[in-house]
Amino acid sequence: MVVLSQNGRQQLPLIKACKPNYGFTGIPVIDMTSPHAKAHMVEACEEFGFFKLVNHGVPMEFMSRLEDEAIKFFSLPQSEKDLAGPPQPFGYGNRRIGPNGDVGWIEYLLLSTNPDSISQICSSISPENPEIFGSAVVDYVSSVKNMTYEVLEMIAEGLNIEPRNVLSRLLKDEDSDSCFRVNHYPPCPELEALRRPSFGWGFGEHTDPQIISVLRSDNTNGLEICLKDGTWVSVPSDQDSFFINVGDSLQVMTNGKFKSVKHRVVTESRKARVSMIYFGGPPLTEIIAPLPSLVKEGEETLYKEFTWADYKKSVYKSRLADNRLGLFEKKEQP
């Protein structure tokens, strides 16, 4: 489990306010095989920036095998896990989220989506059987990437923009700056000591900077999203499904038509949680700007053009909860 120093324990944020709505049942559920899936994806991205995807075609075997391998790794003694870190940028990390002081009750593996890079780093993650862990990651990531390409192409069709691969090509590019992270949120004994129902931040509120994020978790709840009115709602977990997040870059490319969803993860005293996220990013040199076909005649673009490298640098200088797109919004002239 994650071992925190005394100072680290003092920094663990407890949730005392903004209690989420646990009874919310409005999370969009989209069947990928439905003839109406394209339209429903667009509607969900506009209203929530988020949806649950079922009948997605990713083999359950790939999902459960990688989860099993991840649990084996996170169950190792801390000294053995530390041999796979710190992340530079890939590898094992715990508690620290980014370089600017954000912390959470979390440990994680951050990996490239390139099979050669995965194989190389797995020698430090699983020295005795690197090919077993590596195979589990490669099979899962490859299948999820193909599903994500199709989701983006369905979204493009739902938006009536051409070509169909206008979004997916950015992730298919050999220079795509995508990554993959496996998160482990251990039980938090600190909260048990409070002797009252309490939750702590596993991962504080934020948006994802990439184009799209694809999440799969075990059956332990913890994910929460923020609705347009500022209400936080709990997302019931489902280990057989995926949850799709609109990222900041897709918000810009749709000129604000889609909203990058603000989300967070809470942890509790007795249950651990494992999640796996594919972050689909464009090449570093790609210019991120509103797509001309989504800007109506006479309509203003809401964002300045920037490269993904520029935005990535800006994100790394910010805190987790900052409005990262604020620096790239066009300001109205007085």
C-alpha atoms as a PDB file:
ATOM      1  CA  MET A   1       0.000   0.000   0.000  1.00  0.00           C
ATOM      2  CA  VAL A   2       1.012   3.628  -0.215  1.00  0.00           C
ATOM      3  CA  VAL A   3       3.117   4.706   2.744  1.00  0.00           C
ATOM      4  CA  LEU A   4       2.921   8.397   3.585  1.00  0.00           C
ATOM      5  CA  SER A   5       5.240  10.353   5.791  1.00  0.00           C
ATOM      6  CA  GLN A   6       3.747  12.261   8.714  1.00  0.00           C
ATOM      7  CA  ASN A   7       3.899  15.441   6.648  1.00  0.00           C
ATOM      8  CA  GLY A   8       2.170  13.675   3.777  1.00  0.00           C
ATOM      9  CA  ARG A   9      -0.633  12.638   6.107  1.00  0.00           C
ATOM     10  CA  GLN A  10      -1.199  16.198   7.197  1.00  0.00           C
ATOM     11  CA  GLN A  11      -1.580  17.191   3.565  1.00  0.00           C
ATOM     12  CA  LEU A  12      -4.199  14.526   2.717  1.00  0.00           C
ATOM     13  CA  PRO A  13      -7.323  16.587   1.914  1.00  0.00           C
ATOM     14  CA  LEU A  14     -10.571  15.429   3.460  1.00  0.00           C
ATOM     15  CA  ILE A  15     -13.905  16.141   1.827  1.00  0.00           C
ATOM     16  CA  LYS A  16     -15.918  18.265   4.234  1.00  0.00           C
ATOM     17  CA  ALA A  17     -18.188  20.045   1.793  1.00  0.00           C
ATOM     18  CA  CYS A  18     -19.589  19.735  -1.741  1.00  0.00           C
ATOM     19  CA  LYS A  19     -21.106  16.359  -0.950  1.00  0.00           C
ATOM     20  CA  PRO A  20     -21.919  14.716  -4.273  1.00  0.00           C
ATOM     21  CA  ASN A  21     -25.331  13.538  -5.388  1.00  0.00           C
ATOM     22  CA  TYR A  22     -25.139   9.759  -4.978  1.00  0.00           C
ATOM     23  CA  GLY A  23     -28.647   9.243  -6.317  1.00  0.00           C
ATOM     24  CA  PHE A  24     -28.016  10.779  -9.748  1.00  0.00           C
ATOM     25  CA  THR A  25     -29.091   8.379 -12.513  1.00  0.00           C
ATOM     26  CA  GLY A  26     -28.621  10.586 -15.563  1.00  0.00           C
ATOM     27  CA  ILE A  27     -25.160   9.451 -16.750  1.00  0.00           C
ATOM     28  CA  PRO A  28     -25.583   8.752 -20.499  1.00  0.00           C
ATOM     29  CA  VAL A  29     -25.190   5.077 -21.396  1.00  0.00           C
ATOM     30  CA  ILE A  30     -24.412   4.514 -25.074  1.00  0.00           C
ATOM     31  CA  ASP A  31     -24.499   1.202 -26.883  1.00  0.00           C
ATOM     32  CA  MET A  32     -21.700   1.355 -29.436  1.00  0.00           C
ATOM     33  CA  THR A  33     -23.618  -1.005 -31.741  1.00  0.00           C
ATOM     34  CA  SER A  34     -26.788   1.107 -31.763  1.00  0.00           C
ATOM     35  CA  PRO A  35     -27.732   2.898 -35.021  1.00  0.00           C
ATOM     36  CA  HIS A  36     -28.307   5.999 -32.886  1.00  0.00           C
ATOM     37  CA  ALA A  37     -24.921   5.845 -31.140  1.00  0.00           C
ATOM     38  CA  LYS A  38     -23.340   8.684 -33.162  1.00  0.00           C
ATOM     39  CA  ALA A  39     -26.062  11.173 -32.321  1.00  0.00           C
ATOM     40  CA  HIS A  40     -26.133  10.080 -28.683  1.00  0.00           C
ATOM     41  CA  MET A  41     -22.369  10.503 -28.371  1.00  0.00           C
ATOM     42  CA  VAL A  42     -22.581  14.073 -29.629  1.00  0.00           C
ATOM     43  CA  GLU A  43     -25.456  14.878 -27.274  1.00  0.00           C
ATOM     44  CA  ALA A  44     -23.577  13.416 -24.311  1.00  0.00           C
ATOM     45  CA  CYS A  45     -20.385  15.323 -25.161  1.00  0.00           C
ATOM     46  CA  GLU A  46     -22.356  18.571 -25.369  1.00  0.00           C
ATOM     47  CA  GLU A  47     -24.313  18.117 -22.161  1.00  0.00           C
ATOM     48  CA  PHE A  48     -21.878  16.211 -19.921  1.00  0.00           C
ATOM     49  CA  GLY A  49     -18.520  15.885 -21.684  1.00  0.00           C
ATOM     50  CA  PHE A  50     -18.810  12.305 -20.516  1.00  0.00           C
ATOM     51  CA  PHE A  51     -20.610   9.037 -21.198  1.00  0.00           C
ATOM     52  CA  LYS A  52     -20.585   5.341 -20.399  1.00  0.00           C
ATOM     53  CA  LEU A  53     -19.904   3.008 -23.323  1.00  0.00           C
ATOM     54  CA  VAL A  54     -21.280  -0.530 -23.539  1.00  0.00           C
ATOM     55  CA  ASN A  55     -20.985  -3.217 -26.228  1.00  0.00           C
ATOM     56  CA  HIS A  56     -17.576  -1.741 -26.991  1.00  0.00           C
ATOM     57  CA  GLY A  57     -15.866  -4.850 -28.355  1.00  0.00           C
ATOM     58  CA  VAL A  58     -12.857  -4.876 -26.009  1.00  0.00           C
ATOM     59  CA  PRO A  59     -12.442  -8.449 -24.702  1.00  0.00           C
ATOM     60  CA  MET A  60     -13.203  -8.775 -20.999  1.00  0.00           C
ATOM     61  CA  GLU A  61     -10.234 -11.148 -20.821  1.00  0.00           C
ATOM     62  CA  PHE A  62      -7.860  -8.261 -21.650  1.00  0.00           C
ATOM     63  CA  MET A  63      -9.460  -6.061 -18.984  1.00  0.00           C
ATOM     64  CA  SER A  64      -9.382  -8.616 -16.171  1.00  0.00           C
ATOM     65  CA  ARG A  65      -5.882  -9.905 -17.032  1.00  0.00           C
ATOM     66  CA  LEU A  66      -4.343  -6.442 -16.830  1.00  0.00           C
ATOM     67  CA  GLU A  67      -6.217  -5.672 -13.616  1.00  0.00           C
ATOM     68  CA  ASP A  68      -4.862  -8.891 -12.080  1.00  0.00           C
ATOM     69  CA  GLU A  69      -1.297  -8.022 -13.106  1.00  0.00           C
ATOM     70  CA  ALA A  70      -1.695  -4.490 -11.748  1.00  0.00           C
ATOM     71  CA  ILE A  71      -2.937  -5.758  -8.390  1.00  0.00           C
ATOM     72  CA  LYS A  72       0.058  -8.096  -8.172  1.00  0.00           C
ATOM     73  CA  PHE A  73       2.409  -5.164  -8.736  1.00  0.00           C
ATOM     74  CA  PHE A  74       0.695  -2.807  -6.287  1.00  0.00           C
ATOM     75  CA  SER A  75       0.699  -5.584  -3.651  1.00  0.00           C
ATOM     76  CA  LEU A  76       4.511  -5.741  -3.677  1.00  0.00           C
ATOM     77  CA  PRO A  77       6.543  -4.259  -0.800  1.00  0.00           C
ATOM     78  CA  GLN A  78       7.031  -0.520  -1.210  1.00  0.00           C
ATOM     79  CA  SER A  79      10.782  -0.930  -1.679  1.00  0.00           C
ATOM     80  CA  GLU A  80      10.225  -3.188  -4.705  1.00  0.00           C
ATOM     81  CA  LYS A  81       7.679  -0.861  -6.288  1.00  0.00           C
ATOM     82  CA  ASP A  82      10.025   2.082  -5.871  1.00  0.00           C
ATOM     83  CA  LEU A  83      12.525   0.338  -8.163  1.00  0.00           C
ATOM     84  CA  ALA A  84      10.134   1.092 -11.057  1.00  0.00           C
ATOM     85  CA  GLY A  85      10.138   4.832 -10.311  1.00  0.00           C
ATOM     86  CA  PRO A  86      10.145   7.716 -10.089  1.00  0.00           C
ATOM     87  CA  PRO A  87       8.322   8.433 -13.376  1.00  0.00           C
ATOM     88  CA  GLN A  88      10.684  10.179 -15.850  1.00  0.00           C
ATOM     89  CA  PRO A  89       8.168  10.618 -17.396  1.00  0.00           C
ATOM     90  CA  PHE A  90       7.131   6.939 -17.314  1.00  0.00           C
ATOM     91  CA  GLY A  91       7.277   4.584 -14.363  1.00  0.00           C
ATOM     92  CA  TYR A  92       5.928   4.226 -10.845  1.00  0.00           C
ATOM     93  CA  GLY A  93       4.860   7.091  -8.628  1.00  0.00           C
ATOM     94  CA  ASN A  94       2.847   7.620  -5.485  1.00  0.00           C
ATOM     95  CA  ARG A  95       1.045  10.446  -3.721  1.00  0.00           C
ATOM     96  CA  ARG A  96       2.571  13.252  -5.743  1.00  0.00           C
ATOM     97  CA  ILE A  97       0.437  14.441  -8.676  1.00  0.00           C
ATOM     98  CA  GLY A  98       2.425  16.698 -10.969  1.00  0.00           C
ATOM     99  CA  PRO A  99       5.287  19.041 -10.006  1.00  0.00           C
ATOM    100  CA  ASN A 100       3.322  21.824  -8.302  1.00  0.00           C
ATOM    101  CA  GLY A 101       2.263  20.504  -4.920  1.00  0.00           C
ATOM    102  CA  ASP A 102      -0.870  18.478  -5.685  1.00  0.00           C
ATOM    103  CA  VAL A 103      -1.115  15.242  -3.706  1.00  0.00           C
ATOM    104  CA  GLY A 104      -3.600  12.403  -3.401  1.00  0.00           C
ATOM    105  CA  TRP A 105      -4.061   9.024  -1.776  1.00  0.00           C
ATOM    106  CA  ILE A 106      -2.861   7.217  -4.872  1.00  0.00           C
ATOM    107  CA  GLU A 107      -0.087   5.191  -6.436  1.00  0.00           C
ATOM    108  CA  TYR A 108       0.206   4.650 -10.164  1.00  0.00           C
ATOM    109  CA  LEU A 109       2.078   3.377 -13.172  1.00  0.00           C
ATOM    110  CA  LEU A 110       2.417   5.827 -16.062  1.00  0.00           C
ATOM    111  CA  LEU A 111       3.296   4.175 -19.372  1.00  0.00           C
ATOM    112  CA  SER A 112       3.783   4.997 -23.014  1.00  0.00           C
ATOM    113  CA  THR A 113       1.369   3.432 -25.495  1.00  0.00           C
ATOM    114  CA  ASN A 114       4.248   2.387 -27.742  1.00  0.00           C
ATOM    115  CA  PRO A 115       4.753  -1.417 -27.547  1.00  0.00           C
ATOM    116  CA  ASP A 116       8.564  -1.149 -27.617  1.00  0.00           C
ATOM    117  CA  SER A 117       8.548   1.389 -24.779  1.00  0.00           C
ATOM    118  CA  ILE A 118       6.116  -0.761 -22.786  1.00  0.00           C
ATOM    119  CA  SER A 119       8.355  -3.806 -23.143  1.00  0.00           C
ATOM    120  CA  GLN A 120      11.390  -1.834 -22.003  1.00  0.00           C
ATOM    121  CA  ILE A 121       9.830  -0.401 -18.833  1.00  0.00           C
ATOM    122  CA  CYS A 122       8.201  -3.696 -17.862  1.00  0.00           C
ATOM    123  CA  SER A 123      11.644  -5.065 -17.026  1.00  0.00           C
ATOM    124  CA  SER A 124      11.640  -2.747 -13.991  1.00  0.00           C
ATOM    125  CA  ILE A 125       7.943  -3.199 -13.183  1.00  0.00           C
ATOM    126  CA  SER A 126       8.077  -6.996 -13.256  1.00  0.00           C
ATOM    127  CA  PRO A 127      11.739  -8.120 -13.380  1.00  0.00           C
ATOM    128  CA  GLU A 128      10.925 -11.819 -13.017  1.00  0.00           C
ATOM    129  CA  ASN A 129       8.198 -11.964 -15.681  1.00  0.00           C
ATOM    130  CA  PRO A 130       8.359  -8.744 -17.747  1.00  0.00           C
ATOM    131  CA  GLU A 131       6.840 -10.407 -20.803  1.00  0.00           C
ATOM    132  CA  ILE A 132       3.667 -11.386 -18.882  1.00  0.00           C
ATOM    133  CA  PHE A 133       2.990  -7.871 -17.601  1.00  0.00           C
ATOM    134  CA  GLY A 134       4.046  -6.357 -20.923  1.00  0.00           C
ATOM    135  CA  SER A 135       1.775  -8.640 -22.917  1.00  0.00           C
ATOM    136  CA  ALA A 136      -1.189  -7.753 -20.688  1.00  0.00           C
ATOM    137  CA  VAL A 137      -0.576  -4.021 -21.203  1.00  0.00           C
ATOM    138  CA  VAL A 138       0.007  -4.260 -24.962  1.00  0.00           C
ATOM    139  CA  ASP A 139      -3.106  -6.395 -25.571  1.00  0.00           C
ATOM    140  CA  TYR A 140      -5.299  -4.085 -23.516  1.00  0.00           C
ATOM    141  CA  VAL A 141      -3.926  -0.802 -24.876  1.00  0.00           C
ATOM    142  CA  SER A 142      -4.046  -1.990 -28.489  1.00  0.00           C
ATOM    143  CA  SER A 143      -7.689  -3.005 -28.174  1.00  0.00           C
ATOM    144  CA  VAL A 144      -8.693   0.184 -26.361  1.00  0.00           C
ATOM    145  CA  LYS A 145      -6.913   2.347 -28.924  1.00  0.00           C
ATOM    146  CA  ASN A 146      -8.813   0.716 -31.781  1.00  0.00           C
ATOM    147  CA  MET A 147     -12.088   1.234 -29.929  1.00  0.00           C
ATOM    148  CA  THR A 148     -11.201   4.867 -29.279  1.00  0.00           C
ATOM    149  CA  TYR A 149     -10.419   5.499 -32.957  1.00  0.00           C
ATOM    150  CA  GLU A 150     -13.886   4.208 -33.827  1.00  0.00           C
ATOM    151  CA  VAL A 151     -15.517   6.346 -31.126  1.00  0.00           C
ATOM    152  CA  LEU A 152     -13.829   9.480 -32.483  1.00  0.00           C
ATOM    153  CA  GLU A 153     -14.863   8.610 -36.032  1.00  0.00           C
ATOM    154  CA  MET A 154     -18.441   8.073 -34.917  1.00  0.00           C
ATOM    155  CA  ILE A 155     -18.355  11.444 -33.157  1.00  0.00           C
ATOM    156  CA  ALA A 156     -17.028  13.093 -36.336  1.00  0.00           C
ATOM    157  CA  GLU A 157     -19.902  11.574 -38.308  1.00  0.00           C
ATOM    158  CA  GLY A 158     -22.354  12.695 -35.642  1.00  0.00           C
ATOM    159  CA  LEU A 159     -21.017  16.236 -36.021  1.00  0.00           C
ATOM    160  CA  ASN A 160     -21.272  15.979 -39.833  1.00  0.00           C
ATOM    161  CA  ILE A 161     -17.619  16.850 -40.316  1.00  0.00           C
ATOM    162  CA  GLU A 162     -15.250  15.375 -42.866  1.00  0.00           C
ATOM    163  CA  PRO A 163     -13.054  13.507 -43.305  1.00  0.00           C
ATOM    164  CA  ARG A 164     -14.263  10.831 -40.897  1.00  0.00           C
ATOM    165  CA  ASN A 165     -10.782  10.484 -39.418  1.00  0.00           C
ATOM    166  CA  VAL A 166     -10.297  14.203 -38.724  1.00  0.00           C
ATOM    167  CA  LEU A 167     -10.020  13.414 -34.987  1.00  0.00           C
ATOM    168  CA  SER A 168      -8.842   9.806 -34.932  1.00  0.00           C
ATOM    169  CA  ARG A 169      -5.872  10.509 -37.231  1.00  0.00           C
ATOM    170  CA  LEU A 170      -4.264  12.518 -34.442  1.00  0.00           C
ATOM    171  CA  LEU A 171      -4.205   9.446 -32.201  1.00  0.00           C
ATOM    172  CA  LYS A 172      -3.231   7.075 -35.020  1.00  0.00           C
ATOM    173  CA  ASP A 173      -0.229   9.233 -35.943  1.00  0.00           C
ATOM    174  CA  GLU A 174       3.046   7.472 -35.106  1.00  0.00           C
ATOM    175  CA  ASP A 175       4.083  10.630 -33.227  1.00  0.00           C
ATOM    176  CA  SER A 176       0.877  10.732 -31.166  1.00  0.00           C
ATOM    177  CA  ASP A 177       1.640  11.887 -27.627  1.00  0.00           C
ATOM    178  CA  SER A 178      -0.732   9.440 -25.965  1.00  0.00           C
ATOM    179  CA  CYS A 179      -0.117   7.711 -22.651  1.00  0.00           C
ATOM    180  CA  PHE A 180      -1.627   5.108 -20.370  1.00  0.00           C
ATOM    181  CA  ARG A 181      -1.952   5.116 -16.593  1.00  0.00           C
ATOM    182  CA  VAL A 182      -2.932   2.454 -14.082  1.00  0.00           C
ATOM    183  CA  ASN A 183      -4.111   3.932 -10.767  1.00  0.00           C
ATOM    184  CA  HIS A 184      -4.378   2.224  -7.397  1.00  0.00           C
ATOM    185  CA  TYR A 185      -6.280   3.946  -4.600  1.00  0.00           C
ATOM    186  CA  PRO A 186      -5.537   1.966  -1.410  1.00  0.00           C
ATOM    187  CA  PRO A 187      -7.838   1.921   1.609  1.00  0.00           C
ATOM    188  CA  CYS A 188      -7.104   4.948   3.783  1.00  0.00           C
ATOM    189  CA  PRO A 189      -6.770   4.075   7.485  1.00  0.00           C
ATOM    190  CA  GLU A 190      -6.532   7.785   8.294  1.00  0.00           C
ATOM    191  CA  LEU A 191     -10.224   8.084   7.510  1.00  0.00           C
ATOM    192  CA  GLU A 192     -11.136   5.062   9.629  1.00  0.00           C
ATOM    193  CA  ALA A 193      -9.552   6.803  12.611  1.00  0.00           C
ATOM    194  CA  LEU A 194     -12.027   9.680  12.285  1.00  0.00           C
ATOM    195  CA  ARG A 195     -14.829   7.319  13.351  1.00  0.00           C
ATOM    196  CA  ARG A 196     -17.362   8.902  11.031  1.00  0.00           C
ATOM    197  CA  PRO A 197     -18.253   8.456   7.358  1.00  0.00           C
ATOM    198  CA  SER A 198     -15.469  10.300   5.573  1.00  0.00           C
ATOM    199  CA  PHE A 199     -13.805  10.409   2.206  1.00  0.00           C
ATOM    200  CA  GLY A 200     -10.468  11.814   1.089  1.00  0.00           C
ATOM    201  CA  TRP A 201      -9.135  12.921  -2.239  1.00  0.00           C
ATOM    202  CA  GLY A 202      -7.670  10.107  -4.214  1.00  0.00           C
ATOM    203  CA  PHE A 203      -7.212  12.509  -7.123  1.00  0.00           C
ATOM    204  CA  GLY A 204      -8.401  16.134  -6.904  1.00  0.00           C
ATOM    205  CA  GLU A 205     -10.744  17.862  -9.332  1.00  0.00           C
ATOM    206  CA  HIS A 206      -9.354  18.553 -12.796  1.00  0.00           C
ATOM    207  CA  THR A 207      -9.973  18.260 -16.508  1.00  0.00           C
ATOM    208  CA  ASP A 208      -7.866  16.133 -18.834  1.00  0.00           C
ATOM    209  CA  PRO A 209      -5.795  18.166 -21.315  1.00  0.00           C
ATOM    210  CA  GLN A 210      -5.736  15.621 -24.145  1.00  0.00           C
ATOM    211  CA  ILE A 211      -8.366  15.011 -26.842  1.00  0.00           C
ATOM    212  CA  ILE A 212     -10.099  12.100 -25.141  1.00  0.00           C
ATOM    213  CA  SER A 213      -9.695   9.869 -22.092  1.00  0.00           C
ATOM    214  CA  VAL A 214     -10.971   6.317 -21.832  1.00  0.00           C
ATOM    215  CA  LEU A 215     -11.433   4.946 -18.326  1.00  0.00           C
ATOM    216  CA  ARG A 216     -12.075   1.452 -17.072  1.00  0.00           C
ATOM    217  CA  SER A 217     -12.197   0.657 -13.345  1.00  0.00           C
ATOM    218  CA  ASP A 218     -13.024  -2.220 -11.071  1.00  0.00           C
ATOM    219  CA  ASN A 219     -16.371  -2.336  -9.292  1.00  0.00           C
ATOM    220  CA  THR A 220     -15.398   0.065  -6.504  1.00  0.00           C
ATOM    221  CA  ASN A 221     -17.013   3.499  -6.731  1.00  0.00           C
ATOM    222  CA  GLY A 222     -14.993   6.695  -6.395  1.00  0.00           C
ATOM    223  CA  LEU A 223     -15.270   8.649  -9.653  1.00  0.00           C
ATOM    224  CA  GLU A 224     -17.298  11.871  -9.547  1.00  0.00           C
ATOM    225  CA  ILE A 225     -18.043  14.375 -12.308  1.00  0.00           C
ATOM    226  CA  CYS A 226     -19.207  17.976 -12.184  1.00  0.00           C
ATOM    227  CA  LEU A 227     -22.390  18.896 -14.048  1.00  0.00           C
ATOM    228  CA  LYS A 228     -22.962  22.198 -15.860  1.00  0.00           C
ATOM    229  CA  ASP A 229     -24.695  23.681 -12.793  1.00  0.00           C
ATOM    230  CA  GLY A 230     -21.703  22.891 -10.580  1.00  0.00           C
ATOM    231  CA  THR A 231     -23.289  19.874  -8.891  1.00  0.00           C
ATOM    232  CA  TRP A 232     -20.965  16.956  -8.251  1.00  0.00           C
ATOM    233  CA  VAL A 233     -22.427  13.507  -8.900  1.00  0.00           C
ATOM    234  CA  SER A 234     -21.080  10.050  -8.186  1.00  0.00           C
ATOM    235  CA  VAL A 235     -20.588   7.748 -11.178  1.00  0.00           C
ATOM    236  CA  PRO A 236     -21.533   4.134 -10.378  1.00  0.00           C
ATOM    237  CA  SER A 237     -18.641   1.885 -11.315  1.00  0.00           C
ATOM    238  CA  ASP A 238     -18.998  -0.880 -13.907  1.00  0.00           C
ATOM    239  CA  GLN A 239     -16.030  -3.130 -14.621  1.00  0.00           C
ATOM    240  CA  ASP A 240     -17.535  -4.329 -17.917  1.00  0.00           C
ATOM    241  CA  SER A 241     -17.874  -0.850 -19.454  1.00  0.00           C
ATOM    242  CA  PHE A 242     -15.778   2.163 -20.374  1.00  0.00           C
ATOM    243  CA  PHE A 243     -16.252   5.797 -19.434  1.00  0.00           C
ATOM    244  CA  ILE A 244     -15.358   8.388 -22.070  1.00  0.00           C
ATOM    245  CA  ASN A 245     -14.135  11.868 -21.067  1.00  0.00           C
ATOM    246  CA  VAL A 246     -13.969  14.877 -23.386  1.00  0.00           C
ATOM    247  CA  GLY A 247     -10.554  16.518 -22.969  1.00  0.00           C
ATOM    248  CA  ASP A 248      -9.539  20.180 -23.182  1.00  0.00           C
ATOM    249  CA  SER A 249      -8.157  19.783 -26.698  1.00  0.00           C
ATOM    250  CA  LEU A 250     -11.461  18.416 -28.018  1.00  0.00           C
ATOM    251  CA  GLN A 251     -13.304  21.281 -26.351  1.00  0.00           C
ATOM    252  CA  VAL A 252     -11.117  23.684 -28.323  1.00  0.00           C
ATOM    253  CA  MET A 253     -11.447  21.762 -31.594  1.00  0.00           C
ATOM    254  CA  THR A 254     -15.249  21.897 -31.311  1.00  0.00           C
ATOM    255  CA  ASN A 255     -15.062  25.626 -30.427  1.00  0.00           C
ATOM    256  CA  GLY A 256     -16.673  24.971 -27.069  1.00  0.00           C
ATOM    257  CA  LYS A 257     -19.506  22.829 -28.436  1.00  0.00           C
ATOM    258  CA  PHE A 258     -18.184  19.946 -26.336  1.00  0.00           C
ATOM    259  CA  LYS A 259     -17.170  20.574 -22.725  1.00  0.00           C
ATOM    260  CA  SER A 260     -14.124  19.055 -21.082  1.00  0.00           C
ATOM    261  CA  VAL A 261     -15.560  17.334 -18.024  1.00  0.00           C
ATOM    262  CA  LYS A 262     -14.285  18.303 -14.589  1.00  0.00           C
ATOM    263  CA  HIS A 263     -13.869  15.168 -12.494  1.00  0.00           C
ATOM    264  CA  ARG A 264     -12.262  13.864  -9.326  1.00  0.00           C
ATOM    265  CA  VAL A 265     -11.744  10.615  -7.436  1.00  0.00           C
ATOM    266  CA  VAL A 266     -12.503  10.054  -3.774  1.00  0.00           C
ATOM    267  CA  THR A 267     -11.060   7.289  -1.654  1.00  0.00           C
ATOM    268  CA  GLU A 268     -12.448   5.717   1.487  1.00  0.00           C
ATOM    269  CA  SER A 269     -11.226   3.890   4.552  1.00  0.00           C
ATOM    270  CA  ARG A 270     -11.880   0.242   3.693  1.00  0.00           C
ATOM    271  CA  LYS A 271     -12.024  -0.352  -0.066  1.00  0.00           C
ATOM    272  CA  ALA A 272      -9.226  -0.193  -2.617  1.00  0.00           C
ATOM    273  CA  ARG A 273      -9.899   0.871  -6.204  1.00  0.00           C
ATOM    274  CA  VAL A 274      -8.004   0.141  -9.443  1.00  0.00           C
ATOM    275  CA  SER A 275      -8.562   2.118 -12.641  1.00  0.00           C
ATOM    276  CA  MET A 276      -6.912   2.188 -16.066  1.00  0.00           C
ATOM    277  CA  ILE A 277      -6.966   5.243 -18.327  1.00  0.00           C
ATOM    278  CA  TYR A 278      -5.896   5.697 -21.924  1.00  0.00           C
ATOM    279  CA  PHE A 279      -5.184   9.371 -22.667  1.00  0.00           C
ATOM    280  CA  GLY A 280      -5.441  10.034 -26.398  1.00  0.00           C
ATOM    281  CA  GLY A 281      -3.181  12.932 -27.310  1.00  0.00           C
ATOM    282  CA  PRO A 282      -2.047  14.449 -30.626  1.00  0.00           C
ATOM    283  CA  PRO A 283       1.544  14.850 -31.838  1.00  0.00           C
ATOM    284  CA  LEU A 284       3.481  17.563 -30.006  1.00  0.00           C
ATOM    285  CA  THR A 285       3.669  19.713 -33.144  1.00  0.00           C
ATOM    286  CA  GLU A 286      -0.066  19.512 -33.888  1.00  0.00           C
ATOM    287  CA  ILE A 287      -1.849  22.868 -33.926  1.00  0.00           C
ATOM    288  CA  ILE A 288      -4.953  22.771 -31.738  1.00  0.00           C
ATOM    289  CA  ALA A 289      -7.644  25.145 -32.979  1.00  0.00           C
ATOM    290  CA  PRO A 290     -11.395  25.143 -33.658  1.00  0.00           C
ATOM    291  CA  LEU A 291     -12.217  23.051 -36.726  1.00  0.00           C
ATOM    292  CA  PRO A 292     -13.399  25.412 -39.500  1.00  0.00           C
ATOM    293  CA  SER A 293     -16.350  23.158 -40.319  1.00  0.00           C
ATOM    294  CA  LEU A 294     -17.677  23.637 -36.767  1.00  0.00           C
ATOM    295  CA  VAL A 295     -17.475  27.429 -36.840  1.00  0.00           C
ATOM    296  CA  LYS A 296     -20.578  28.921 -38.417  1.00  0.00           C
ATOM    297  CA  GLU A 297     -20.362  31.898 -40.761  1.00  0.00           C
ATOM    298  CA  GLY A 298     -20.059  35.035 -38.697  1.00  0.00           C
ATOM    299  CA  GLU A 299     -19.312  33.085 -35.530  1.00  0.00           C
ATOM    300  CA  GLU A 300     -16.183  33.936 -33.560  1.00  0.00           C
ATOM    301  CA  THR A 301     -13.644  31.336 -32.543  1.00  0.00           C
ATOM    302  CA  LEU A 302     -13.327  31.171 -28.762  1.00  0.00           C
ATOM    303  CA  TYR A 303      -9.703  30.078 -28.519  1.00  0.00           C
ATOM    304  CA  LYS A 304      -6.282  31.094 -29.739  1.00  0.00           C
ATOM    305  CA  GLU A 305      -4.354  28.559 -31.770  1.00  0.00           C
ATOM    306  CA  PHE A 306      -1.642  26.659 -29.935  1.00  0.00           C
ATOM    307  CA  THR A 307       0.421  23.538 -30.408  1.00  0.00           C
ATOM    308  CA  TRP A 308      -0.097  20.539 -28.177  1.00  0.00           C
ATOM    309  CA  ALA A 309       3.484  21.030 -26.934  1.00  0.00           C
ATOM    310  CA  ASP A 310       2.644  24.605 -25.865  1.00  0.00           C
ATOM    311  CA  TYR A 311      -0.464  23.495 -24.014  1.00  0.00           C
ATOM    312  CA  LYS A 312       1.301  20.589 -22.373  1.00  0.00           C
ATOM    313  CA  LYS A 313       4.006  22.912 -21.025  1.00  0.00           C
ATOM    314  CA  SER A 314       1.334  25.263 -19.706  1.00  0.00           C
ATOM    315  CA  VAL A 315      -0.494  22.400 -17.984  1.00  0.00           C
ATOM    316  CA  TYR A 316       2.681  21.268 -16.222  1.00  0.00           C
ATOM    317  CA  LYS A 317       3.101  24.762 -14.775  1.00  0.00           C
ATOM    318  CA  SER A 318      -0.426  24.811 -13.346  1.00  0.00           C
ATOM    319  CA  ARG A 319      -2.160  23.316 -10.336  1.00  0.00           C
ATOM    320  CA  LEU A 320      -4.564  20.449 -10.824  1.00  0.00           C
ATOM    321  CA  ALA A 321      -7.781  22.460 -10.329  1.00  0.00           C
ATOM    322  CA  ASP A 322      -6.721  25.502 -12.393  1.00  0.00           C
ATOM    323  CA  ASN A 323      -8.715  26.578 -15.442  1.00  0.00           C
ATOM    324  CA  ARG A 324      -5.958  25.580 -17.824  1.00  0.00           C
ATOM    325  CA  LEU A 325      -7.767  26.721 -20.969  1.00  0.00           C
ATOM    326  CA  GLY A 326      -8.246  30.202 -19.516  1.00  0.00           C
ATOM    327  CA  LEU A 327      -4.856  31.340 -20.820  1.00  0.00           C
ATOM    328  CA  PHE A 328      -5.852  30.351 -24.354  1.00  0.00           C
ATOM    329  CA  GLU A 329      -9.335  31.867 -24.472  1.00  0.00           C
ATOM    330  CA  LYS A 330      -9.840  34.898 -26.671  1.00  0.00           C
ATOM    331  CA  LYS A 331     -10.776  37.885 -24.538  1.00  0.00           C
ATOM    332  CA  GLU A 332     -13.470  40.287 -25.645  1.00  0.00           C
ATOM    333  CA  GLN A 333     -12.162  43.732 -26.455  1.00  0.00           C
ATOM    334  CA  PRO A 334     -13.693  46.507 -24.269  1.00  0.00           C
END
